[in-house]
Amino acid sequence: MTKVQEAVDAFEEQYKFPQIVGAIEGCNIEINTPPENKEDYFNRKQYYSINLQGIVNPEYFFNI
């Protein structure tokens, strides 16, 4: 059995969601105003940030 199939089976067994391989979450990490391309870093919450996004397996680990 592959790791992908193990993750799919675990999500379905634990959370009753079929065909799920990972759970995605993200957040904004506030940064100082960048010297160039400021508008690329200005978020909807009205501050400068970069995005952090992660995908976890059914045990909340990043090692899928």
PDB file of N, CA and C in Angstrom:
ATOM      1  N   MET A   1       0.856  -1.179   0.000  1.00  0.00           N
ATOM      2  CA  MET A   1       0.000   0.000   0.000  1.00  0.00           C
ATOM      3  C   MET A   1       0.901   1.242   0.000  1.00  0.00           C
ATOM      4  N   THR A   2       0.552   2.221  -0.806  1.00  0.00           N
ATOM      5  CA  THR A   2       1.351   3.443  -0.897  1.00  0.00           C
ATOM      6  C   THR A   2       1.017   4.406   0.241  1.00  0.00           C
ATOM      7  N   LYS A   3       1.907   5.385   0.463  1.00  0.00           N
ATOM      8  CA  LYS A   3       1.649   6.399   1.501  1.00  0.00           C
ATOM      9  C   LYS A   3       0.391   7.191   1.185  1.00  0.00           C
ATOM     10  N   VAL A   4       0.162   7.440  -0.087  1.00  0.00           N
ATOM     11  CA  VAL A   4      -1.048   8.186  -0.476  1.00  0.00           C
ATOM     12  C   VAL A   4      -2.292   7.399  -0.088  1.00  0.00           C
ATOM     13  N   GLN A   5      -2.305   6.118  -0.415  1.00  0.00           N
ATOM     14  CA  GLN A   5      -3.476   5.303  -0.078  1.00  0.00           C
ATOM     15  C   GLN A   5      -3.648   5.183   1.426  1.00  0.00           C
ATOM     16  N   GLU A   6      -2.549   5.079   2.166  1.00  0.00           N
ATOM     17  CA  GLU A   6      -2.632   5.043   3.626  1.00  0.00           C
ATOM     18  C   GLU A   6      -3.255   6.324   4.167  1.00  0.00           C
ATOM     19  N   ALA A   7      -2.869   7.480   3.616  1.00  0.00           N
ATOM     20  CA  ALA A   7      -3.441   8.757   4.060  1.00  0.00           C
ATOM     21  C   ALA A   7      -4.925   8.830   3.725  1.00  0.00           C
ATOM     22  N   VAL A   8      -5.298   8.409   2.524  1.00  0.00           N
ATOM     23  CA  VAL A   8      -6.714   8.415   2.121  1.00  0.00           C
ATOM     24  C   VAL A   8      -7.529   7.537   3.065  1.00  0.00           C
ATOM     25  N   ASP A   9      -7.038   6.347   3.342  1.00  0.00           N
ATOM     26  CA  ASP A   9      -7.756   5.428   4.235  1.00  0.00           C
ATOM     27  C   ASP A   9      -7.871   5.997   5.653  1.00  0.00           C
ATOM     28  N   ALA A  10      -6.790   6.609   6.154  1.00  0.00           N
ATOM     29  CA  ALA A  10      -6.812   7.163   7.512  1.00  0.00           C
ATOM     30  C   ALA A  10      -7.780   8.333   7.633  1.00  0.00           C
ATOM     31  N   PHE A  11      -7.798   9.231   6.637  1.00  0.00           N
ATOM     32  CA  PHE A  11      -8.738  10.353   6.688  1.00  0.00           C
ATOM     33  C   PHE A  11     -10.180   9.849   6.668  1.00  0.00           C
ATOM     34  N   GLU A  12     -10.439   8.860   5.844  1.00  0.00           N
ATOM     35  CA  GLU A  12     -11.811   8.344   5.785  1.00  0.00           C
ATOM     36  C   GLU A  12     -12.194   7.655   7.092  1.00  0.00           C
ATOM     37  N   GLU A  13     -11.286   6.887   7.663  1.00  0.00           N
ATOM     38  CA  GLU A  13     -11.580   6.176   8.903  1.00  0.00           C
ATOM     39  C   GLU A  13     -11.753   7.136  10.084  1.00  0.00           C
ATOM     40  N   GLN A  14     -10.845   8.106  10.218  1.00  0.00           N
ATOM     41  CA  GLN A  14     -10.862   9.002  11.378  1.00  0.00           C
ATOM     42  C   GLN A  14     -11.886  10.127  11.269  1.00  0.00           C
ATOM     43  N   TYR A  15     -12.043  10.673  10.052  1.00  0.00           N
ATOM     44  CA  TYR A  15     -12.858  11.890   9.904  1.00  0.00           C
ATOM     45  C   TYR A  15     -14.070  11.711   9.000  1.00  0.00           C
ATOM     46  N   LYS A  16     -14.227  10.537   8.430  1.00  0.00           N
ATOM     47  CA  LYS A  16     -15.372  10.199   7.574  1.00  0.00           C
ATOM     48  C   LYS A  16     -15.424  11.060   6.308  1.00  0.00           C
ATOM     49  N   PHE A  17     -14.248  11.483   5.818  1.00  0.00           N
ATOM     50  CA  PHE A  17     -14.141  12.202   4.550  1.00  0.00           C
ATOM     51  C   PHE A  17     -13.453  11.298   3.538  1.00  0.00           C
ATOM     52  N   PRO A  18     -14.141  10.911   2.471  1.00  0.00           N
ATOM     53  CA  PRO A  18     -13.507  10.043   1.479  1.00  0.00           C
ATOM     54  C   PRO A  18     -12.585  10.823   0.536  1.00  0.00           C
ATOM     55  N   GLN A  19     -11.572  10.132   0.023  1.00  0.00           N
ATOM     56  CA  GLN A  19     -10.678  10.648  -1.005  1.00  0.00           C
ATOM     57  C   GLN A  19      -9.902  11.899  -0.598  1.00  0.00           C
ATOM     58  N   ILE A  20      -9.522  12.023   0.672  1.00  0.00           N
ATOM     59  CA  ILE A  20      -8.718  13.145   1.164  1.00  0.00           C
ATOM     60  C   ILE A  20      -7.293  12.644   1.372  1.00  0.00           C
ATOM     61  N   VAL A  21      -6.308  13.383   0.859  1.00  0.00           N
ATOM     62  CA  VAL A  21      -4.909  12.999   1.014  1.00  0.00           C
ATOM     63  C   VAL A  21      -4.221  13.854   2.069  1.00  0.00           C
ATOM     64  N   GLY A  22      -4.640  15.127   2.210  1.00  0.00           N
ATOM     65  CA  GLY A  22      -4.024  16.014   3.194  1.00  0.00           C
ATOM     66  C   GLY A  22      -4.941  17.175   3.518  1.00  0.00           C
ATOM     67  N   ALA A  23      -4.687  17.800   4.648  1.00  0.00           N
ATOM     68  CA  ALA A  23      -5.443  18.978   5.071  1.00  0.00           C
ATOM     69  C   ALA A  23      -4.552  20.208   4.892  1.00  0.00           C
ATOM     70  N   ILE A  24      -5.104  21.267   4.295  1.00  0.00           N
ATOM     71  CA  ILE A  24      -4.349  22.484   3.991  1.00  0.00           C
ATOM     72  C   ILE A  24      -4.748  23.593   4.957  1.00  0.00           C
ATOM     73  N   GLU A  25      -3.747  24.329   5.428  1.00  0.00           N
ATOM     74  CA  GLU A  25      -3.976  25.504   6.277  1.00  0.00           C
ATOM     75  C   GLU A  25      -2.963  26.556   5.884  1.00  0.00           C
ATOM     76  N   GLY A  26      -3.327  27.789   6.077  1.00  0.00           N
ATOM     77  CA  GLY A  26      -2.421  28.882   5.747  1.00  0.00           C
ATOM     78  C   GLY A  26      -2.561  30.027   6.730  1.00  0.00           C
ATOM     79  N   CYS A  27      -1.560  30.894   6.729  1.00  0.00           N
ATOM     80  CA  CYS A  27      -1.611  32.084   7.572  1.00  0.00           C
ATOM     81  C   CYS A  27      -0.719  33.165   6.964  1.00  0.00           C
ATOM     82  N   ASN A  28      -0.920  34.388   7.408  1.00  0.00           N
ATOM     83  CA  ASN A  28      -0.092  35.510   6.989  1.00  0.00           C
ATOM     84  C   ASN A  28       0.938  35.798   8.069  1.00  0.00           C
ATOM     85  N   ILE A  29       2.191  35.941   7.650  1.00  0.00           N
ATOM     86  CA  ILE A  29       3.256  36.296   8.582  1.00  0.00           C
ATOM     87  C   ILE A  29       3.635  37.734   8.303  1.00  0.00           C
ATOM     88  N   GLU A  30       3.422  38.594   9.286  1.00  0.00           N
ATOM     89  CA  GLU A  30       3.676  40.023   9.115  1.00  0.00           C
ATOM     90  C   GLU A  30       5.167  40.283   8.903  1.00  0.00           C
ATOM     91  N   ILE A  31       5.469  41.178   7.951  1.00  0.00           N
ATOM     92  CA  ILE A  31       6.847  41.558   7.643  1.00  0.00           C
ATOM     93  C   ILE A  31       6.960  43.078   7.628  1.00  0.00           C
ATOM     94  N   ASN A  32       8.192  43.582   7.677  1.00  0.00           N
ATOM     95  CA  ASN A  32       8.426  45.008   7.496  1.00  0.00           C
ATOM     96  C   ASN A  32       8.118  45.373   6.050  1.00  0.00           C
ATOM     97  N   THR A  33       7.799  46.624   5.816  1.00  0.00           N
ATOM     98  CA  THR A  33       7.482  47.071   4.466  1.00  0.00           C
ATOM     99  C   THR A  33       8.676  46.815   3.549  1.00  0.00           C
ATOM    100  N   PRO A  34       8.481  46.047   2.483  1.00  0.00           N
ATOM    101  CA  PRO A  34       9.596  45.765   1.587  1.00  0.00           C
ATOM    102  C   PRO A  34       9.977  47.002   0.768  1.00  0.00           C
ATOM    103  N   PRO A  35      11.254  47.140   0.402  1.00  0.00           N
ATOM    104  CA  PRO A  35      11.685  48.319  -0.347  1.00  0.00           C
ATOM    105  C   PRO A  35      11.168  48.342  -1.784  1.00  0.00           C
ATOM    106  N   GLU A  36      10.921  47.170  -2.366  1.00  0.00           N
ATOM    107  CA  GLU A  36      10.440  47.088  -3.749  1.00  0.00           C
ATOM    108  C   GLU A  36       9.159  46.255  -3.807  1.00  0.00           C
ATOM    109  N   ASN A  37       8.319  46.549  -4.779  1.00  0.00           N
ATOM    110  CA  ASN A  37       7.081  45.792  -5.020  1.00  0.00           C
ATOM    111  C   ASN A  37       6.205  45.693  -3.773  1.00  0.00           C
ATOM    112  N   LYS A  38       6.055  46.783  -3.060  1.00  0.00           N
ATOM    113  CA  LYS A  38       5.272  46.778  -1.813  1.00  0.00           C
ATOM    114  C   LYS A  38       3.871  46.216  -2.000  1.00  0.00           C
ATOM    115  N   GLU A  39       3.247  46.581  -3.128  1.00  0.00           N
ATOM    116  CA  GLU A  39       1.859  46.187  -3.354  1.00  0.00           C
ATOM    117  C   GLU A  39       1.688  44.669  -3.428  1.00  0.00           C
ATOM    118  N   ASP A  40       2.752  43.957  -3.760  1.00  0.00           N
ATOM    119  CA  ASP A  40       2.670  42.493  -3.825  1.00  0.00           C
ATOM    120  C   ASP A  40       2.562  41.856  -2.443  1.00  0.00           C
ATOM    121  N   TYR A  41       2.923  42.579  -1.416  1.00  0.00           N
ATOM    122  CA  TYR A  41       2.954  42.034  -0.055  1.00  0.00           C
ATOM    123  C   TYR A  41       1.868  42.607   0.852  1.00  0.00           C
ATOM    124  N   PHE A  42       1.071  43.541   0.352  1.00  0.00           N
ATOM    125  CA  PHE A  42       0.026  44.167   1.168  1.00  0.00           C
ATOM    126  C   PHE A  42      -1.207  43.286   1.117  1.00  0.00           C
ATOM    127  N   ASN A  43      -1.646  42.803   2.281  1.00  0.00           N
ATOM    128  CA  ASN A  43      -2.750  41.845   2.291  1.00  0.00           C
ATOM    129  C   ASN A  43      -4.105  42.498   2.574  1.00  0.00           C
ATOM    130  N   ARG A  44      -5.137  41.699   2.553  1.00  0.00           N
ATOM    131  CA  ARG A  44      -6.507  42.194   2.755  1.00  0.00           C
ATOM    132  C   ARG A  44      -6.754  42.704   4.163  1.00  0.00           C
ATOM    133  N   LYS A  45      -5.886  42.334   5.098  1.00  0.00           N
ATOM    134  CA  LYS A  45      -6.028  42.794   6.479  1.00  0.00           C
ATOM    135  C   LYS A  45      -5.270  44.094   6.721  1.00  0.00           C
ATOM    136  N   GLN A  46      -4.786  44.684   5.636  1.00  0.00           N
ATOM    137  CA  GLN A  46      -4.163  46.012   5.653  1.00  0.00           C
ATOM    138  C   GLN A  46      -2.783  46.052   6.300  1.00  0.00           C
ATOM    139  N   TYR A  47      -1.978  45.001   6.119  1.00  0.00           N
ATOM    140  CA  TYR A  47      -0.575  45.043   6.544  1.00  0.00           C
ATOM    141  C   TYR A  47       0.253  44.201   5.577  1.00  0.00           C
ATOM    142  N   TYR A  48       1.571  44.379   5.645  1.00  0.00           N
ATOM    143  CA  TYR A  48       2.475  43.655   4.763  1.00  0.00           C
ATOM    144  C   TYR A  48       2.764  42.278   5.356  1.00  0.00           C
ATOM    145  N   SER A  49       2.710  41.256   4.497  1.00  0.00           N
ATOM    146  CA  SER A  49       2.926  39.900   4.987  1.00  0.00           C
ATOM    147  C   SER A  49       3.350  38.985   3.849  1.00  0.00           C
ATOM    148  N   ILE A  50       3.832  37.816   4.236  1.00  0.00           N
ATOM    149  CA  ILE A  50       4.020  36.719   3.299  1.00  0.00           C
ATOM    150  C   ILE A  50       3.092  35.600   3.734  1.00  0.00           C
ATOM    151  N   ASN A  51       2.726  34.757   2.790  1.00  0.00           N
ATOM    152  CA  ASN A  51       1.811  33.660   3.084  1.00  0.00           C
ATOM    153  C   ASN A  51       2.583  32.394   3.421  1.00  0.00           C
ATOM    154  N   LEU A  52       2.128  31.716   4.445  1.00  0.00           N
ATOM    155  CA  LEU A  52       2.659  30.411   4.803  1.00  0.00           C
ATOM    156  C   LEU A  52       1.526  29.416   4.618  1.00  0.00           C
ATOM    157  N   GLN A  53       1.798  28.347   3.893  1.00  0.00           N
ATOM    158  CA  GLN A  53       0.781  27.333   3.669  1.00  0.00           C
ATOM    159  C   GLN A  53       1.391  25.968   3.940  1.00  0.00           C
ATOM    160  N   GLY A  54       0.636  25.112   4.610  1.00  0.00           N
ATOM    161  CA  GLY A  54       1.120  23.777   4.909  1.00  0.00           C
ATOM    162  C   GLY A  54       0.058  22.731   4.652  1.00  0.00           C
ATOM    163  N   ILE A  55       0.509  21.525   4.363  1.00  0.00           N
ATOM    164  CA  ILE A  55      -0.374  20.382   4.154  1.00  0.00           C
ATOM    165  C   ILE A  55       0.055  19.296   5.136  1.00  0.00           C
ATOM    166  N   VAL A  56      -0.905  18.772   5.887  1.00  0.00           N
ATOM    167  CA  VAL A  56      -0.595  17.746   6.877  1.00  0.00           C
ATOM    168  C   VAL A  56      -1.343  16.453   6.587  1.00  0.00           C
ATOM    169  N   ASN A  57      -0.804  15.365   7.146  1.00  0.00           N
ATOM    170  CA  ASN A  57      -1.461  14.065   7.018  1.00  0.00           C
ATOM    171  C   ASN A  57      -2.492  13.900   8.144  1.00  0.00           C
ATOM    172  N   PRO A  58      -3.144  12.773   8.254  1.00  0.00           N
ATOM    173  CA  PRO A  58      -4.187  12.604   9.281  1.00  0.00           C
ATOM    174  C   PRO A  58      -3.685  12.737  10.723  1.00  0.00           C
ATOM    175  N   GLU A  59      -2.379  12.581  10.932  1.00  0.00           N
ATOM    176  CA  GLU A  59      -1.813  12.710  12.279  1.00  0.00           C
ATOM    177  C   GLU A  59      -1.240  14.112  12.513  1.00  0.00           C
ATOM    178  N   TYR A  60      -1.544  15.063  11.641  1.00  0.00           N
ATOM    179  CA  TYR A  60      -1.092  16.451  11.724  1.00  0.00           C
ATOM    180  C   TYR A  60       0.406  16.618  11.531  1.00  0.00           C
ATOM    181  N   PHE A  61       1.030  15.720  10.776  1.00  0.00           N
ATOM    182  CA  PHE A  61       2.448  15.839  10.446  1.00  0.00           C
ATOM    183  C   PHE A  61       2.588  16.333   9.012  1.00  0.00           C
ATOM    184  N   PHE A  62       3.717  17.017   8.742  1.00  0.00           N
ATOM    185  CA  PHE A  62       3.971  17.543   7.409  1.00  0.00           C
ATOM    186  C   PHE A  62       4.631  16.539   6.474  1.00  0.00           C
ATOM    187  N   ASN A  63       4.729  15.300   6.841  1.00  0.00           N
ATOM    188  CA  ASN A  63       5.507  14.320   6.076  1.00  0.00           C
ATOM    189  C   ASN A  63       4.670  13.393   5.202  1.00  0.00           C
ATOM    190  N   ILE A  64       3.837  13.943   4.382  1.00  0.00           N
ATOM    191  CA  ILE A  64       3.037  13.087   3.489  1.00  0.00           C
ATOM    192  C   ILE A  64       3.925  12.608   2.361  1.00  0.00           C
TER     193      ILE A  64
END
